[in-house]
Amino acid sequence: MDVPNLTLDDFLSRFQLLRPQPGRSTLNSRQAAVLIPVVRREQPGLLLTQRSPHLRKHAGQVAFPGGAVDASDASLIAAALREAQEEVAIPPEEVEVIGVLPPVDSVTGFQVTPVVGIIPPDLPWRACEDEVAAVFEMPLAEALRLGRYHPLDIHRRGNSHRLWLSWYQHYFVWGMTAGIIRELALQVGFKP
């Protein structure tokens, strides 16, 4: 389904009417959370980061701000907001959390909970140079276009896994990030 004129109100209505359904069970027990920052505009955007090429894990990959839950975090939502502040300077009080998607397993052994939040369009985000190489915004309508995601089936440790692949400008969006965006598109009622 093509969504060229998806407004923020359309997105919010769809998200709130179609509550997230429980996903498949996850295997990992270590908890992590990511923020899916939707930029509040009439034609909303999706804020993404490109991880630093110097990181040990997932170097250079497109990702949402997020990471492991710390003992000091009151909740998964608090962890996602803390990580977003650390990575791209999004103040937690500026995020209107509208819900969460079902958790997904990461290849690094975490159960990752995606937290969906609306952020103001005029935030002066700054990338934490140690963790983030770039911050960019993708039109939400484009991000939610299911036809842009292409499956790749791989076999690892005797199990089959489906990865999703996509490009936006010069950014390669794949793996868990592409899977989460695709899940968000399905959540708000777009059909494959």
C-alpha atoms as a PDB file:
ATOM      1  CA  MET A   1       0.000   0.000   0.000  1.00  0.00           C
ATOM      2  CA  ASP A   2       1.367   3.402  -0.948  1.00  0.00           C
ATOM      3  CA  VAL A   3       1.237   6.001   1.845  1.00  0.00           C
ATOM      4  CA  PRO A   4       2.506   9.260   0.261  1.00  0.00           C
ATOM      5  CA  ASN A   5       0.236  11.536   2.326  1.00  0.00           C
ATOM      6  CA  LEU A   6       0.458   9.892   5.735  1.00  0.00           C
ATOM      7  CA  THR A   7      -0.125  12.618   8.309  1.00  0.00           C
ATOM      8  CA  LEU A   8       0.850  12.468  11.955  1.00  0.00           C
ATOM      9  CA  ASP A   9      -2.840  12.292  12.886  1.00  0.00           C
ATOM     10  CA  ASP A  10      -3.313   9.322  10.512  1.00  0.00           C
ATOM     11  CA  PHE A  11      -0.325   7.550  12.053  1.00  0.00           C
ATOM     12  CA  LEU A  12      -1.458   8.214  15.643  1.00  0.00           C
ATOM     13  CA  SER A  13      -5.019   7.090  14.913  1.00  0.00           C
ATOM     14  CA  ARG A  14      -3.836   3.879  13.268  1.00  0.00           C
ATOM     15  CA  PHE A  15      -1.324   3.127  16.028  1.00  0.00           C
ATOM     16  CA  GLN A  16      -3.826   3.738  18.808  1.00  0.00           C
ATOM     17  CA  LEU A  17      -6.686   1.860  17.123  1.00  0.00           C
ATOM     18  CA  LEU A  18      -4.586  -1.173  16.261  1.00  0.00           C
ATOM     19  CA  ARG A  19      -2.919  -1.987  19.549  1.00  0.00           C
ATOM     20  CA  PRO A  20       0.275  -4.046  19.253  1.00  0.00           C
ATOM     21  CA  GLN A  21      -0.396  -7.754  19.311  1.00  0.00           C
ATOM     22  CA  PRO A  22       1.844 -10.072  21.287  1.00  0.00           C
ATOM     23  CA  GLY A  23       4.703 -11.190  19.079  1.00  0.00           C
ATOM     24  CA  ARG A  24       6.344 -14.550  18.893  1.00  0.00           C
ATOM     25  CA  SER A  25       8.103 -15.579  22.067  1.00  0.00           C
ATOM     26  CA  THR A  26      11.636 -14.354  22.504  1.00  0.00           C
ATOM     27  CA  LEU A  27      14.531 -16.510  23.583  1.00  0.00           C
ATOM     28  CA  ASN A  28      16.874 -13.921  25.044  1.00  0.00           C
ATOM     29  CA  SER A  29      16.638 -12.800  28.649  1.00  0.00           C
ATOM     30  CA  ARG A  30      18.951  -9.756  28.715  1.00  0.00           C
ATOM     31  CA  GLN A  31      16.783  -6.668  28.304  1.00  0.00           C
ATOM     32  CA  ALA A  32      17.338  -3.738  25.947  1.00  0.00           C
ATOM     33  CA  ALA A  33      15.117  -1.034  24.498  1.00  0.00           C
ATOM     34  CA  VAL A  34      15.201   1.293  21.502  1.00  0.00           C
ATOM     35  CA  LEU A  35      13.307   4.488  20.840  1.00  0.00           C
ATOM     36  CA  ILE A  36      11.448   4.785  17.542  1.00  0.00           C
ATOM     37  CA  PRO A  37      11.452   8.605  17.332  1.00  0.00           C
ATOM     38  CA  VAL A  38       8.654   9.891  15.095  1.00  0.00           C
ATOM     39  CA  VAL A  39       9.193  13.580  14.322  1.00  0.00           C
ATOM     40  CA  ARG A  40       6.058  15.665  14.867  1.00  0.00           C
ATOM     41  CA  ARG A  41       5.305  17.228  11.498  1.00  0.00           C
ATOM     42  CA  GLU A  42       2.201  17.263   9.324  1.00  0.00           C
ATOM     43  CA  GLN A  43       4.142  14.786   7.154  1.00  0.00           C
ATOM     44  CA  PRO A  44       6.065  13.055   9.991  1.00  0.00           C
ATOM     45  CA  GLY A  45       9.614  11.789   9.840  1.00  0.00           C
ATOM     46  CA  LEU A  46      11.435   8.859  11.397  1.00  0.00           C
ATOM     47  CA  LEU A  47      14.714   9.707  13.135  1.00  0.00           C
ATOM     48  CA  LEU A  48      17.476   7.142  12.649  1.00  0.00           C
ATOM     49  CA  THR A  49      21.169   6.972  13.462  1.00  0.00           C
ATOM     50  CA  GLN A  50      24.166   5.419  11.807  1.00  0.00           C
ATOM     51  CA  ARG A  51      26.410   3.826  14.388  1.00  0.00           C
ATOM     52  CA  SER A  52      30.047   4.782  14.608  1.00  0.00           C
ATOM     53  CA  PRO A  53      32.377   2.678  12.426  1.00  0.00           C
ATOM     54  CA  HIS A  54      34.646   2.284  15.477  1.00  0.00           C
ATOM     55  CA  LEU A  55      32.195   0.317  17.634  1.00  0.00           C
ATOM     56  CA  ARG A  56      32.873  -3.339  18.441  1.00  0.00           C
ATOM     57  CA  LYS A  57      29.335  -4.453  17.625  1.00  0.00           C
ATOM     58  CA  HIS A  58      27.113  -3.338  14.743  1.00  0.00           C
ATOM     59  CA  ALA A  59      29.685  -0.784  13.540  1.00  0.00           C
ATOM     60  CA  GLY A  60      28.325   1.500  10.817  1.00  0.00           C
ATOM     61  CA  GLN A  61      24.823   0.058  10.913  1.00  0.00           C
ATOM     62  CA  VAL A  62      21.649   2.131  10.761  1.00  0.00           C
ATOM     63  CA  ALA A  63      19.852   1.886  14.093  1.00  0.00           C
ATOM     64  CA  PHE A  64      17.400   3.453  16.479  1.00  0.00           C
ATOM     65  CA  PRO A  65      18.814   5.089  19.606  1.00  0.00           C
ATOM     66  CA  GLY A  66      18.850   2.471  22.327  1.00  0.00           C
ATOM     67  CA  GLY A  67      20.738  -0.099  24.289  1.00  0.00           C
ATOM     68  CA  ALA A  68      20.858  -2.354  27.304  1.00  0.00           C
ATOM     69  CA  VAL A  69      18.724  -1.695  30.365  1.00  0.00           C
ATOM     70  CA  ASP A  70      20.803  -0.416  33.299  1.00  0.00           C
ATOM     71  CA  ALA A  71      20.083  -1.176  36.952  1.00  0.00           C
ATOM     72  CA  SER A  72      19.235   2.528  37.360  1.00  0.00           C
ATOM     73  CA  ASP A  73      16.466   2.389  34.711  1.00  0.00           C
ATOM     74  CA  ALA A  74      12.965   2.291  36.187  1.00  0.00           C
ATOM     75  CA  SER A  75      11.547   0.567  33.088  1.00  0.00           C
ATOM     76  CA  LEU A  76      12.187  -0.410  29.488  1.00  0.00           C
ATOM     77  CA  ILE A  77      10.739   2.942  28.439  1.00  0.00           C
ATOM     78  CA  ALA A  78      13.137   4.746  30.797  1.00  0.00           C
ATOM     79  CA  ALA A  79      16.035   2.808  29.258  1.00  0.00           C
ATOM     80  CA  ALA A  80      15.032   3.798  25.714  1.00  0.00           C
ATOM     81  CA  LEU A  81      14.679   7.451  26.728  1.00  0.00           C
ATOM     82  CA  ARG A  82      18.025   7.465  28.572  1.00  0.00           C
ATOM     83  CA  GLU A  83      19.815   5.928  25.598  1.00  0.00           C
ATOM     84  CA  ALA A  84      18.198   8.419  23.189  1.00  0.00           C
ATOM     85  CA  GLN A  85      19.437  11.256  25.371  1.00  0.00           C
ATOM     86  CA  GLU A  86      22.947   9.794  25.571  1.00  0.00           C
ATOM     87  CA  GLU A  87      23.222   9.003  21.845  1.00  0.00           C
ATOM     88  CA  VAL A  88      21.485  11.945  20.153  1.00  0.00           C
ATOM     89  CA  ALA A  89      20.632  14.425  22.951  1.00  0.00           C
ATOM     90  CA  ILE A  90      16.854  13.934  22.862  1.00  0.00           C
ATOM     91  CA  PRO A  91      15.603  15.140  26.270  1.00  0.00           C
ATOM     92  CA  PRO A  92      13.333  12.458  27.809  1.00  0.00           C
ATOM     93  CA  GLU A  93      10.747  15.079  28.766  1.00  0.00           C
ATOM     94  CA  GLU A  94      10.396  16.030  25.079  1.00  0.00           C
ATOM     95  CA  VAL A  95       9.279  12.505  24.071  1.00  0.00           C
ATOM     96  CA  GLU A  96       5.577  11.687  24.035  1.00  0.00           C
ATOM     97  CA  VAL A  97       5.577   7.908  24.411  1.00  0.00           C
ATOM     98  CA  ILE A  98       2.584   6.434  22.596  1.00  0.00           C
ATOM     99  CA  GLY A  99       3.292   2.729  23.077  1.00  0.00           C
ATOM    100  CA  VAL A 100       5.602  -0.198  22.577  1.00  0.00           C
ATOM    101  CA  LEU A 101       5.904  -2.934  19.989  1.00  0.00           C
ATOM    102  CA  PRO A 102       6.429  -6.584  20.927  1.00  0.00           C
ATOM    103  CA  PRO A 103      10.069  -7.348  21.842  1.00  0.00           C
ATOM    104  CA  VAL A 104      12.427  -8.933  19.324  1.00  0.00           C
ATOM    105  CA  ASP A 105      15.564 -10.998  19.803  1.00  0.00           C
ATOM    106  CA  SER A 106      18.882  -9.522  18.714  1.00  0.00           C
ATOM    107  CA  VAL A 107      21.779 -11.598  17.437  1.00  0.00           C
ATOM    108  CA  THR A 108      23.829 -10.265  20.360  1.00  0.00           C
ATOM    109  CA  GLY A 109      21.606 -12.000  22.923  1.00  0.00           C
ATOM    110  CA  PHE A 110      19.209  -9.217  23.925  1.00  0.00           C
ATOM    111  CA  GLN A 111      15.420  -9.064  24.038  1.00  0.00           C
ATOM    112  CA  VAL A 112      14.847  -5.614  22.511  1.00  0.00           C
ATOM    113  CA  THR A 113      11.647  -3.676  23.171  1.00  0.00           C
ATOM    114  CA  PRO A 114      10.852  -0.930  20.620  1.00  0.00           C
ATOM    115  CA  VAL A 115       9.327   2.155  22.282  1.00  0.00           C
ATOM    116  CA  VAL A 116       7.373   4.449  19.949  1.00  0.00           C
ATOM    117  CA  GLY A 117       7.584   8.143  20.800  1.00  0.00           C
ATOM    118  CA  ILE A 118       6.719  11.457  19.174  1.00  0.00           C
ATOM    119  CA  ILE A 119       9.412  14.152  19.305  1.00  0.00           C
ATOM    120  CA  PRO A 120       9.284  17.874  18.427  1.00  0.00           C
ATOM    121  CA  PRO A 121      10.578  18.875  14.982  1.00  0.00           C
ATOM    122  CA  ASP A 122      12.940  21.539  16.284  1.00  0.00           C
ATOM    123  CA  LEU A 123      15.120  19.511  18.671  1.00  0.00           C
ATOM    124  CA  PRO A 124      18.814  20.277  18.175  1.00  0.00           C
ATOM    125  CA  TRP A 125      19.954  16.658  18.182  1.00  0.00           C
ATOM    126  CA  ARG A 126      23.650  16.067  18.571  1.00  0.00           C
ATOM    127  CA  ALA A 127      25.324  12.773  17.879  1.00  0.00           C
ATOM    128  CA  CYS A 128      27.493  11.313  20.628  1.00  0.00           C
ATOM    129  CA  GLU A 129      30.671  10.940  18.567  1.00  0.00           C
ATOM    130  CA  ASP A 130      31.767   7.760  20.378  1.00  0.00           C
ATOM    131  CA  GLU A 131      28.584   5.935  19.382  1.00  0.00           C
ATOM    132  CA  VAL A 132      26.906   7.712  16.466  1.00  0.00           C
ATOM    133  CA  ALA A 133      28.414   8.708  13.108  1.00  0.00           C
ATOM    134  CA  ALA A 134      25.265  10.333  11.657  1.00  0.00           C
ATOM    135  CA  VAL A 135      21.680  11.258  12.507  1.00  0.00           C
ATOM    136  CA  PHE A 136      19.144  11.459   9.688  1.00  0.00           C
ATOM    137  CA  GLU A 137      15.416  11.714   9.147  1.00  0.00           C
ATOM    138  CA  MET A 138      13.459   9.536   6.756  1.00  0.00           C
ATOM    139  CA  PRO A 139       9.870  10.450   5.795  1.00  0.00           C
ATOM    140  CA  LEU A 140       7.618   8.159   7.844  1.00  0.00           C
ATOM    141  CA  ALA A 141       5.421   7.469   4.803  1.00  0.00           C
ATOM    142  CA  GLU A 142       8.496   6.189   2.968  1.00  0.00           C
ATOM    143  CA  ALA A 143       9.701   4.169   5.957  1.00  0.00           C
ATOM    144  CA  LEU A 144       6.325   2.431   6.269  1.00  0.00           C
ATOM    145  CA  ARG A 145       6.124   1.496   2.583  1.00  0.00           C
ATOM    146  CA  LEU A 146       6.363  -2.284   2.859  1.00  0.00           C
ATOM    147  CA  GLY A 147       7.487  -2.727  -0.749  1.00  0.00           C
ATOM    148  CA  ARG A 148      10.832  -1.139   0.083  1.00  0.00           C
ATOM    149  CA  TYR A 149      11.864  -4.095   2.304  1.00  0.00           C
ATOM    150  CA  HIS A 150      13.346  -7.163   0.668  1.00  0.00           C
ATOM    151  CA  PRO A 151      13.703 -10.506   2.476  1.00  0.00           C
ATOM    152  CA  LEU A 152      16.951 -12.414   2.843  1.00  0.00           C
ATOM    153  CA  ASP A 153      16.744 -15.867   4.396  1.00  0.00           C
ATOM    154  CA  ILE A 154      19.872 -17.051   6.177  1.00  0.00           C
ATOM    155  CA  HIS A 155      20.747 -20.135   8.183  1.00  0.00           C
ATOM    156  CA  ARG A 156      22.698 -19.752  11.406  1.00  0.00           C
ATOM    157  CA  ARG A 157      23.385 -22.384  14.058  1.00  0.00           C
ATOM    158  CA  GLY A 158      20.881 -24.747  12.496  1.00  0.00           C
ATOM    159  CA  ASN A 159      18.067 -22.181  12.473  1.00  0.00           C
ATOM    160  CA  SER A 160      16.511 -20.237   9.614  1.00  0.00           C
ATOM    161  CA  HIS A 161      16.216 -16.462   9.989  1.00  0.00           C
ATOM    162  CA  ARG A 162      14.632 -13.898   7.744  1.00  0.00           C
ATOM    163  CA  LEU A 163      16.322 -10.520   7.521  1.00  0.00           C
ATOM    164  CA  TRP A 164      14.867  -7.452   5.844  1.00  0.00           C
ATOM    165  CA  LEU A 165      16.963  -5.173   3.631  1.00  0.00           C
ATOM    166  CA  SER A 166      16.353  -1.667   2.309  1.00  0.00           C
ATOM    167  CA  TRP A 167      18.150   1.475   1.167  1.00  0.00           C
ATOM    168  CA  TYR A 168      17.317   5.084   1.955  1.00  0.00           C
ATOM    169  CA  GLN A 169      19.481   7.633   0.173  1.00  0.00           C
ATOM    170  CA  HIS A 170      22.995   6.314   0.854  1.00  0.00           C
ATOM    171  CA  TYR A 171      22.009   4.456   4.052  1.00  0.00           C
ATOM    172  CA  PHE A 172      21.652   0.667   4.072  1.00  0.00           C
ATOM    173  CA  VAL A 173      18.824  -0.205   6.480  1.00  0.00           C
ATOM    174  CA  TRP A 174      18.713  -3.883   7.374  1.00  0.00           C
ATOM    175  CA  GLY A 175      18.507  -6.485  10.108  1.00  0.00           C
ATOM    176  CA  MET A 176      16.706  -5.704  13.332  1.00  0.00           C
ATOM    177  CA  THR A 177      16.176  -2.013  12.458  1.00  0.00           C
ATOM    178  CA  ALA A 178      14.501  -2.814   9.132  1.00  0.00           C
ATOM    179  CA  GLY A 179      12.510  -5.569  10.840  1.00  0.00           C
ATOM    180  CA  ILE A 180      11.252  -3.154  13.521  1.00  0.00           C
ATOM    181  CA  ILE A 181      10.242  -0.528  10.941  1.00  0.00           C
ATOM    182  CA  ARG A 182       8.460  -3.202   8.928  1.00  0.00           C
ATOM    183  CA  GLU A 183       6.703  -4.436  12.083  1.00  0.00           C
ATOM    184  CA  LEU A 184       5.592  -0.863  12.797  1.00  0.00           C
ATOM    185  CA  ALA A 185       4.151  -0.644   9.266  1.00  0.00           C
ATOM    186  CA  LEU A 186       2.238  -3.881   9.813  1.00  0.00           C
ATOM    187  CA  GLN A 187       1.138  -2.650  13.247  1.00  0.00           C
ATOM    188  CA  VAL A 188      -0.470   0.470  11.803  1.00  0.00           C
ATOM    189  CA  GLY A 189      -2.384  -1.602   9.282  1.00  0.00           C
ATOM    190  CA  PHE A 190      -0.358  -1.536   6.072  1.00  0.00           C
ATOM    191  CA  LYS A 191      -0.487  -4.790   4.161  1.00  0.00           C
ATOM    192  CA  PRO A 192       2.505  -6.552   2.597  1.00  0.00           C
END
